[in-house]
Amino acid sequence: MSFDFDGWTLVFDLDGTLVETAPDLHAALNHTLASKGLGQIPIETIRMMIGDGAKALIRKGFSYQGRAVDEDEIEATLWPTFIDHYLANITRLSAPFEGVIETLDALTQTKAILAVCTNKAQTLAVEVLAGLNLTKYFPTCVGGDDTPSQKPSGLHITDTITRAGGNPARAIMIGDSQTDERAARDAKLPFVFVTFGYGDLTGEPYPELRVINLWRDMSVVLHDLASNRSSSA
């Protein structure tokens, strides 16, 4: 079954939504911690730390190890150490989630505008998309350092929609975390939460929220939200 999303903008988070990036982020964070003589963090622990950008991930990693860290140390040594390792291995272990490519191919055929809105640094986000041959689906990608306001601000999403040539009145946000959910609420957009990513929901009532466990269910849920939004306009 195919749906016509002509005139609709579908905005996707990157890490934990489109791509399983945790393994490469895990390796880069543990490399950074090791550079300061600190121990390893299990990958399942890191999965719940992802979503607010690499600098936040470093802070969480040091906090997990009981080590205080200040912004000067992050900027001077930790961030460069992390970035050098991550860029050299950015898609070595990462991969799109099952069903992503087939769904994106189908959505492209419906004339939907596809865009990425991520708190990941712009350079890193672009490298992930390029390394996994996803750039062709997402001509617009707005990273956390390429916009005045990061998620959970809804301005990050609406900025992304505007750059993509879309209309916030006909847009849907898809993500895997409370950060994405809060940003969608702030932007007054319908929101699709994917359960296989790196976060959870706020638990607050939200009528335009849908939850999916598999990417193969994405198109149907998006059509439901778009139809409901159109009928209530």
C-alpha atoms as a PDB file:
ATOM      1  CA  MET A   1       0.000   0.000   0.000  1.00  0.00           C
ATOM      2  CA  SER A   2       1.333   3.443  -0.899  1.00  0.00           C
ATOM      3  CA  PHE A   3       0.286   6.850   0.363  1.00  0.00           C
ATOM      4  CA  ASP A   4       0.594  10.339  -1.064  1.00  0.00           C
ATOM      5  CA  PHE A   5       2.720  12.505   1.227  1.00  0.00           C
ATOM      6  CA  ASP A   6       3.111  15.262  -1.362  1.00  0.00           C
ATOM      7  CA  GLY A   7       3.582  18.527   0.564  1.00  0.00           C
ATOM      8  CA  TRP A   8       4.459  16.775   3.837  1.00  0.00           C
ATOM      9  CA  THR A   9       7.828  16.998   5.572  1.00  0.00           C
ATOM     10  CA  LEU A  10       8.952  13.973   7.570  1.00  0.00           C
ATOM     11  CA  VAL A  11      11.707  14.902  10.026  1.00  0.00           C
ATOM     12  CA  PHE A  12      13.852  12.109  11.461  1.00  0.00           C
ATOM     13  CA  ASP A  13      16.244  11.990  14.357  1.00  0.00           C
ATOM     14  CA  LEU A  14      19.471  10.173  13.408  1.00  0.00           C
ATOM     15  CA  ASP A  15      21.052   8.162  16.249  1.00  0.00           C
ATOM     16  CA  GLY A  16      18.735   5.449  17.486  1.00  0.00           C
ATOM     17  CA  THR A  17      16.034   6.298  14.948  1.00  0.00           C
ATOM     18  CA  LEU A  18      17.501   5.888  11.481  1.00  0.00           C
ATOM     19  CA  VAL A  19      20.838   4.347  12.398  1.00  0.00           C
ATOM     20  CA  GLU A  20      22.194   2.024  15.069  1.00  0.00           C
ATOM     21  CA  THR A  21      25.211   4.205  15.889  1.00  0.00           C
ATOM     22  CA  ALA A  22      25.756   2.989  19.448  1.00  0.00           C
ATOM     23  CA  PRO A  23      28.645   0.586  18.667  1.00  0.00           C
ATOM     24  CA  ASP A  24      30.870   3.284  17.124  1.00  0.00           C
ATOM     25  CA  LEU A  25      29.924   5.858  19.776  1.00  0.00           C
ATOM     26  CA  HIS A  26      30.660   3.214  22.420  1.00  0.00           C
ATOM     27  CA  ALA A  27      34.146   2.633  21.012  1.00  0.00           C
ATOM     28  CA  ALA A  28      34.902   6.367  20.790  1.00  0.00           C
ATOM     29  CA  LEU A  29      33.722   7.102  24.331  1.00  0.00           C
ATOM     30  CA  ASN A  30      35.676   4.220  25.847  1.00  0.00           C
ATOM     31  CA  HIS A  31      38.747   5.339  23.895  1.00  0.00           C
ATOM     32  CA  THR A  32      38.310   8.828  25.368  1.00  0.00           C
ATOM     33  CA  LEU A  33      37.862   7.502  28.904  1.00  0.00           C
ATOM     34  CA  ALA A  34      40.921   5.265  28.517  1.00  0.00           C
ATOM     35  CA  SER A  35      43.000   8.299  27.533  1.00  0.00           C
ATOM     36  CA  LYS A  36      42.390   9.561  31.078  1.00  0.00           C
ATOM     37  CA  GLY A  37      43.028   6.200  32.737  1.00  0.00           C
ATOM     38  CA  LEU A  38      39.343   5.436  33.262  1.00  0.00           C
ATOM     39  CA  GLY A  39      37.614   2.099  32.783  1.00  0.00           C
ATOM     40  CA  GLN A  40      35.231   0.912  30.095  1.00  0.00           C
ATOM     41  CA  ILE A  41      31.466   1.469  30.060  1.00  0.00           C
ATOM     42  CA  PRO A  42      29.157  -1.356  28.887  1.00  0.00           C
ATOM     43  CA  ILE A  43      27.464  -0.715  25.561  1.00  0.00           C
ATOM     44  CA  GLU A  44      23.959  -1.111  27.002  1.00  0.00           C
ATOM     45  CA  THR A  45      24.747   1.681  29.470  1.00  0.00           C
ATOM     46  CA  ILE A  46      25.973   3.938  26.668  1.00  0.00           C
ATOM     47  CA  ARG A  47      22.798   3.333  24.666  1.00  0.00           C
ATOM     48  CA  MET A  48      20.847   5.279  27.280  1.00  0.00           C
ATOM     49  CA  MET A  49      23.377   8.131  27.254  1.00  0.00           C
ATOM     50  CA  ILE A  50      23.059   8.937  23.550  1.00  0.00           C
ATOM     51  CA  GLY A  51      20.873  11.716  22.150  1.00  0.00           C
ATOM     52  CA  ASP A  52      22.200  15.061  23.347  1.00  0.00           C
ATOM     53  CA  GLY A  53      25.424  15.250  21.333  1.00  0.00           C
ATOM     54  CA  ALA A  54      28.963  13.974  21.816  1.00  0.00           C
ATOM     55  CA  LYS A  55      30.013  16.512  24.447  1.00  0.00           C
ATOM     56  CA  ALA A  56      27.044  15.523  26.590  1.00  0.00           C
ATOM     57  CA  LEU A  57      27.993  11.870  26.036  1.00  0.00           C
ATOM     58  CA  ILE A  58      31.497  12.600  27.329  1.00  0.00           C
ATOM     59  CA  ARG A  59      30.073  14.315  30.414  1.00  0.00           C
ATOM     60  CA  LYS A  60      27.798  11.343  31.103  1.00  0.00           C
ATOM     61  CA  GLY A  61      30.666   8.922  30.617  1.00  0.00           C
ATOM     62  CA  PHE A  62      32.849  10.706  33.145  1.00  0.00           C
ATOM     63  CA  SER A  63      29.936  10.983  35.575  1.00  0.00           C
ATOM     64  CA  TYR A  64      29.358   7.224  35.266  1.00  0.00           C
ATOM     65  CA  GLN A  65      32.989   6.679  36.272  1.00  0.00           C
ATOM     66  CA  GLY A  66      32.638   9.062  39.210  1.00  0.00           C
ATOM     67  CA  ARG A  67      35.026  11.562  37.695  1.00  0.00           C
ATOM     68  CA  ALA A  68      34.310  15.319  37.585  1.00  0.00           C
ATOM     69  CA  VAL A  69      35.043  17.045  34.298  1.00  0.00           C
ATOM     70  CA  ASP A  70      34.885  20.725  33.376  1.00  0.00           C
ATOM     71  CA  GLU A  71      34.183  22.382  30.049  1.00  0.00           C
ATOM     72  CA  ASP A  72      37.791  23.499  29.589  1.00  0.00           C
ATOM     73  CA  GLU A  73      38.980  19.887  29.783  1.00  0.00           C
ATOM     74  CA  ILE A  74      36.280  18.796  27.338  1.00  0.00           C
ATOM     75  CA  GLU A  75      37.189  21.469  24.809  1.00  0.00           C
ATOM     76  CA  ALA A  76      40.967  21.173  25.180  1.00  0.00           C
ATOM     77  CA  THR A  77      41.492  17.401  25.197  1.00  0.00           C
ATOM     78  CA  LEU A  78      38.447  15.181  25.523  1.00  0.00           C
ATOM     79  CA  TRP A  79      36.400  16.432  22.585  1.00  0.00           C
ATOM     80  CA  PRO A  80      39.342  16.302  20.151  1.00  0.00           C
ATOM     81  CA  THR A  81      40.251  12.809  21.376  1.00  0.00           C
ATOM     82  CA  PHE A  82      36.686  11.603  20.930  1.00  0.00           C
ATOM     83  CA  ILE A  83      36.242  13.224  17.505  1.00  0.00           C
ATOM     84  CA  ASP A  84      39.521  11.925  16.084  1.00  0.00           C
ATOM     85  CA  HIS A  85      38.636   8.358  17.030  1.00  0.00           C
ATOM     86  CA  TYR A  86      34.985   8.619  16.010  1.00  0.00           C
ATOM     87  CA  LEU A  87      35.622  10.184  12.605  1.00  0.00           C
ATOM     88  CA  ALA A  88      38.192   7.515  11.804  1.00  0.00           C
ATOM     89  CA  ASN A  89      35.646   4.766  12.581  1.00  0.00           C
ATOM     90  CA  ILE A  90      32.298   6.531  12.192  1.00  0.00           C
ATOM     91  CA  THR A  91      30.473   3.835  10.234  1.00  0.00           C
ATOM     92  CA  ARG A  92      32.719   0.858  10.944  1.00  0.00           C
ATOM     93  CA  LEU A  93      30.071  -0.795  13.136  1.00  0.00           C
ATOM     94  CA  SER A  94      27.036   1.435  12.562  1.00  0.00           C
ATOM     95  CA  ALA A  95      24.191   0.464  10.227  1.00  0.00           C
ATOM     96  CA  PRO A  96      20.642   1.542   9.353  1.00  0.00           C
ATOM     97  CA  PHE A  97      17.998  -0.267  11.377  1.00  0.00           C
ATOM     98  CA  GLU A  98      16.213  -3.125   9.664  1.00  0.00           C
ATOM     99  CA  GLY A  99      13.561  -1.813   7.290  1.00  0.00           C
ATOM    100  CA  VAL A 100      14.973   1.712   7.003  1.00  0.00           C
ATOM    101  CA  ILE A 101      16.106   1.544   3.374  1.00  0.00           C
ATOM    102  CA  GLU A 102      12.907  -0.080   2.119  1.00  0.00           C
ATOM    103  CA  THR A 103      10.765   2.456   3.986  1.00  0.00           C
ATOM    104  CA  LEU A 104      12.782   5.459   2.803  1.00  0.00           C
ATOM    105  CA  ASP A 105      12.551   4.200  -0.777  1.00  0.00           C
ATOM    106  CA  ALA A 106       8.773   3.937  -0.425  1.00  0.00           C
ATOM    107  CA  LEU A 107       8.413   7.365   1.207  1.00  0.00           C
ATOM    108  CA  THR A 108      10.521   8.949  -1.521  1.00  0.00           C
ATOM    109  CA  GLN A 109       8.074   7.578  -4.087  1.00  0.00           C
ATOM    110  CA  THR A 110       5.202   9.328  -2.258  1.00  0.00           C
ATOM    111  CA  LYS A 111       6.874  12.741  -2.836  1.00  0.00           C
ATOM    112  CA  ALA A 112       7.457  13.278   0.880  1.00  0.00           C
ATOM    113  CA  ILE A 113      10.174  15.746   1.877  1.00  0.00           C
ATOM    114  CA  LEU A 114      12.631  13.880   4.113  1.00  0.00           C
ATOM    115  CA  ALA A 115      14.984  15.656   6.524  1.00  0.00           C
ATOM    116  CA  VAL A 116      17.242  14.874   9.471  1.00  0.00           C
ATOM    117  CA  CYS A 117      17.141  16.882  12.710  1.00  0.00           C
ATOM    118  CA  THR A 118      19.817  15.732  15.156  1.00  0.00           C
ATOM    119  CA  ASN A 119      21.726  17.028  18.165  1.00  0.00           C
ATOM    120  CA  LYS A 120      24.788  15.345  16.689  1.00  0.00           C
ATOM    121  CA  ALA A 121      27.376  17.800  15.366  1.00  0.00           C
ATOM    122  CA  GLN A 122      26.691  18.689  11.736  1.00  0.00           C
ATOM    123  CA  THR A 123      29.982  17.305  10.402  1.00  0.00           C
ATOM    124  CA  LEU A 124      29.462  13.996  12.178  1.00  0.00           C
ATOM    125  CA  ALA A 125      25.837  13.670  11.063  1.00  0.00           C
ATOM    126  CA  VAL A 126      26.770  14.309   7.439  1.00  0.00           C
ATOM    127  CA  GLU A 127      29.569  11.743   7.671  1.00  0.00           C
ATOM    128  CA  VAL A 128      27.210   9.079   9.042  1.00  0.00           C
ATOM    129  CA  LEU A 129      24.671   9.685   6.283  1.00  0.00           C
ATOM    130  CA  ALA A 130      27.368   9.633   3.605  1.00  0.00           C
ATOM    131  CA  GLY A 131      29.118   6.581   5.018  1.00  0.00           C
ATOM    132  CA  LEU A 132      25.891   4.580   4.978  1.00  0.00           C
ATOM    133  CA  ASN A 133      24.679   5.846   1.577  1.00  0.00           C
ATOM    134  CA  LEU A 134      21.727   7.685   3.104  1.00  0.00           C
ATOM    135  CA  THR A 135      22.510  11.185   1.845  1.00  0.00           C
ATOM    136  CA  LYS A 136      20.340  10.754  -1.255  1.00  0.00           C
ATOM    137  CA  TYR A 137      17.266  10.508   0.962  1.00  0.00           C
ATOM    138  CA  PHE A 138      18.096  13.542   3.085  1.00  0.00           C
ATOM    139  CA  PRO A 139      19.168  16.656   1.173  1.00  0.00           C
ATOM    140  CA  THR A 140      18.539  18.582   4.405  1.00  0.00           C
ATOM    141  CA  CYS A 141      20.328  17.657   7.631  1.00  0.00           C
ATOM    142  CA  VAL A 142      20.532  20.111  10.537  1.00  0.00           C
ATOM    143  CA  GLY A 143      22.956  19.177  13.301  1.00  0.00           C
ATOM    144  CA  GLY A 144      23.006  20.479  16.836  1.00  0.00           C
ATOM    145  CA  ASP A 145      25.796  22.969  16.155  1.00  0.00           C
ATOM    146  CA  ASP A 146      24.219  24.249  12.919  1.00  0.00           C
ATOM    147  CA  THR A 147      21.160  25.881  14.475  1.00  0.00           C
ATOM    148  CA  PRO A 148      20.606  28.493  17.219  1.00  0.00           C
ATOM    149  CA  SER A 149      18.444  26.111  19.291  1.00  0.00           C
ATOM    150  CA  GLN A 150      18.961  22.373  19.828  1.00  0.00           C
ATOM    151  CA  LYS A 151      16.258  19.836  20.623  1.00  0.00           C
ATOM    152  CA  PRO A 152      14.331  19.756  22.960  1.00  0.00           C
ATOM    153  CA  SER A 153      13.596  23.192  21.522  1.00  0.00           C
ATOM    154  CA  GLY A 154      10.997  22.927  18.789  1.00  0.00           C
ATOM    155  CA  LEU A 155      12.868  25.665  16.929  1.00  0.00           C
ATOM    156  CA  HIS A 156      15.450  23.060  15.883  1.00  0.00           C
ATOM    157  CA  ILE A 157      12.714  21.086  14.116  1.00  0.00           C
ATOM    158  CA  THR A 158      10.988  24.082  12.534  1.00  0.00           C
ATOM    159  CA  ASP A 159      14.364  25.388  11.344  1.00  0.00           C
ATOM    160  CA  THR A 160      14.963  22.005   9.702  1.00  0.00           C
ATOM    161  CA  ILE A 161      11.532  22.067   8.052  1.00  0.00           C
ATOM    162  CA  THR A 162      12.085  25.570   6.716  1.00  0.00           C
ATOM    163  CA  ARG A 163      15.493  24.692   5.281  1.00  0.00           C
ATOM    164  CA  ALA A 164      13.946  21.636   3.617  1.00  0.00           C
ATOM    165  CA  GLY A 165      11.354  23.843   1.927  1.00  0.00           C
ATOM    166  CA  GLY A 166       8.497  22.409   3.945  1.00  0.00           C
ATOM    167  CA  ASN A 167       5.624  23.757   6.017  1.00  0.00           C
ATOM    168  CA  PRO A 168       5.445  23.118   9.800  1.00  0.00           C
ATOM    169  CA  ALA A 169       1.673  22.789   9.467  1.00  0.00           C
ATOM    170  CA  ARG A 170       2.257  19.676   7.338  1.00  0.00           C
ATOM    171  CA  ALA A 171       5.133  17.969   9.116  1.00  0.00           C
ATOM    172  CA  ILE A 172       5.761  15.014  11.434  1.00  0.00           C
ATOM    173  CA  MET A 173       8.712  14.324  13.743  1.00  0.00           C
ATOM    174  CA  ILE A 174      10.114  10.825  14.252  1.00  0.00           C
ATOM    175  CA  GLY A 175      12.523  10.030  17.090  1.00  0.00           C
ATOM    176  CA  ASP A 176      13.584   7.735  19.906  1.00  0.00           C
ATOM    177  CA  SER A 177      13.879   9.870  23.027  1.00  0.00           C
ATOM    178  CA  GLN A 178      12.235  12.281  25.429  1.00  0.00           C
ATOM    179  CA  THR A 179      14.382  14.986  23.827  1.00  0.00           C
ATOM    180  CA  ASP A 180      12.701  14.318  20.475  1.00  0.00           C
ATOM    181  CA  GLU A 181       9.267  14.053  22.063  1.00  0.00           C
ATOM    182  CA  ARG A 182       9.624  17.366  23.894  1.00  0.00           C
ATOM    183  CA  ALA A 183      10.884  19.068  20.740  1.00  0.00           C
ATOM    184  CA  ALA A 184       7.896  17.768  18.771  1.00  0.00           C
ATOM    185  CA  ARG A 185       5.522  19.022  21.478  1.00  0.00           C
ATOM    186  CA  ASP A 186       7.268  22.400  21.498  1.00  0.00           C
ATOM    187  CA  ALA A 187       6.918  22.634  17.716  1.00  0.00           C
ATOM    188  CA  LYS A 188       3.297  21.431  17.973  1.00  0.00           C
ATOM    189  CA  LEU A 189       3.950  18.529  15.622  1.00  0.00           C
ATOM    190  CA  PRO A 190       2.706  14.931  15.570  1.00  0.00           C
ATOM    191  CA  PHE A 191       5.356  12.566  16.879  1.00  0.00           C
ATOM    192  CA  VAL A 192       6.285   8.952  16.123  1.00  0.00           C
ATOM    193  CA  PHE A 193       8.334   7.241  18.835  1.00  0.00           C
ATOM    194  CA  VAL A 194      10.491   4.249  17.885  1.00  0.00           C
ATOM    195  CA  THR A 195      11.017   1.806  20.737  1.00  0.00           C
ATOM    196  CA  PHE A 196      14.281   0.289  19.496  1.00  0.00           C
ATOM    197  CA  GLY A 197      16.422   3.407  20.007  1.00  0.00           C
ATOM    198  CA  TYR A 198      18.242   5.035  22.906  1.00  0.00           C
ATOM    199  CA  GLY A 199      15.556   6.649  25.031  1.00  0.00           C
ATOM    200  CA  ASP A 200      12.028   6.531  26.342  1.00  0.00           C
ATOM    201  CA  LEU A 201       8.881   8.637  26.521  1.00  0.00           C
ATOM    202  CA  THR A 202       7.922  11.271  29.086  1.00  0.00           C
ATOM    203  CA  GLY A 203       4.649   9.541  29.872  1.00  0.00           C
ATOM    204  CA  GLU A 204       2.761  12.809  29.471  1.00  0.00           C
ATOM    205  CA  PRO A 205      -0.544  12.696  27.539  1.00  0.00           C
ATOM    206  CA  TYR A 206      -0.059  13.615  23.889  1.00  0.00           C
ATOM    207  CA  PRO A 207      -2.893  12.924  21.406  1.00  0.00           C
ATOM    208  CA  GLU A 208      -0.670  13.091  18.322  1.00  0.00           C
ATOM    209  CA  LEU A 209       1.789  10.471  19.592  1.00  0.00           C
ATOM    210  CA  ARG A 210       2.206   7.077  17.955  1.00  0.00           C
ATOM    211  CA  VAL A 211       4.605   4.277  18.967  1.00  0.00           C
ATOM    212  CA  ILE A 212       6.184   1.708  16.647  1.00  0.00           C
ATOM    213  CA  ASN A 213       8.396  -1.284  17.310  1.00  0.00           C
ATOM    214  CA  LEU A 214       9.470  -1.954  13.722  1.00  0.00           C
ATOM    215  CA  TRP A 215      10.388   0.273  10.807  1.00  0.00           C
ATOM    216  CA  ARG A 216       8.067  -1.701   8.530  1.00  0.00           C
ATOM    217  CA  ASP A 217       5.146  -0.084  10.393  1.00  0.00           C
ATOM    218  CA  MET A 218       6.369   3.466   9.753  1.00  0.00           C
ATOM    219  CA  SER A 219       4.430   4.326   6.580  1.00  0.00           C
ATOM    220  CA  VAL A 220       1.051   3.279   7.971  1.00  0.00           C
ATOM    221  CA  VAL A 221       1.536   5.246  11.202  1.00  0.00           C
ATOM    222  CA  LEU A 222       2.738   8.339   9.337  1.00  0.00           C
ATOM    223  CA  HIS A 223      -0.303   8.168   7.065  1.00  0.00           C
ATOM    224  CA  ASP A 224      -2.587   7.937  10.103  1.00  0.00           C
ATOM    225  CA  LEU A 225      -1.045  11.030  11.688  1.00  0.00           C
ATOM    226  CA  ALA A 226      -1.061  12.988   8.432  1.00  0.00           C
ATOM    227  CA  SER A 227      -4.705  12.095   7.760  1.00  0.00           C
ATOM    228  CA  ASN A 228      -5.746  13.108  11.278  1.00  0.00           C
ATOM    229  CA  ARG A 229      -3.853  16.390  11.063  1.00  0.00           C
ATOM    230  CA  SER A 230      -5.371  17.180   7.640  1.00  0.00           C
ATOM    231  CA  SER A 231      -8.923  16.385   8.735  1.00  0.00           C
ATOM    232  CA  SER A 232      -8.666  18.616  11.823  1.00  0.00           C
ATOM    233  CA  ALA A 233      -7.119  21.561   9.962  1.00  0.00           C
END
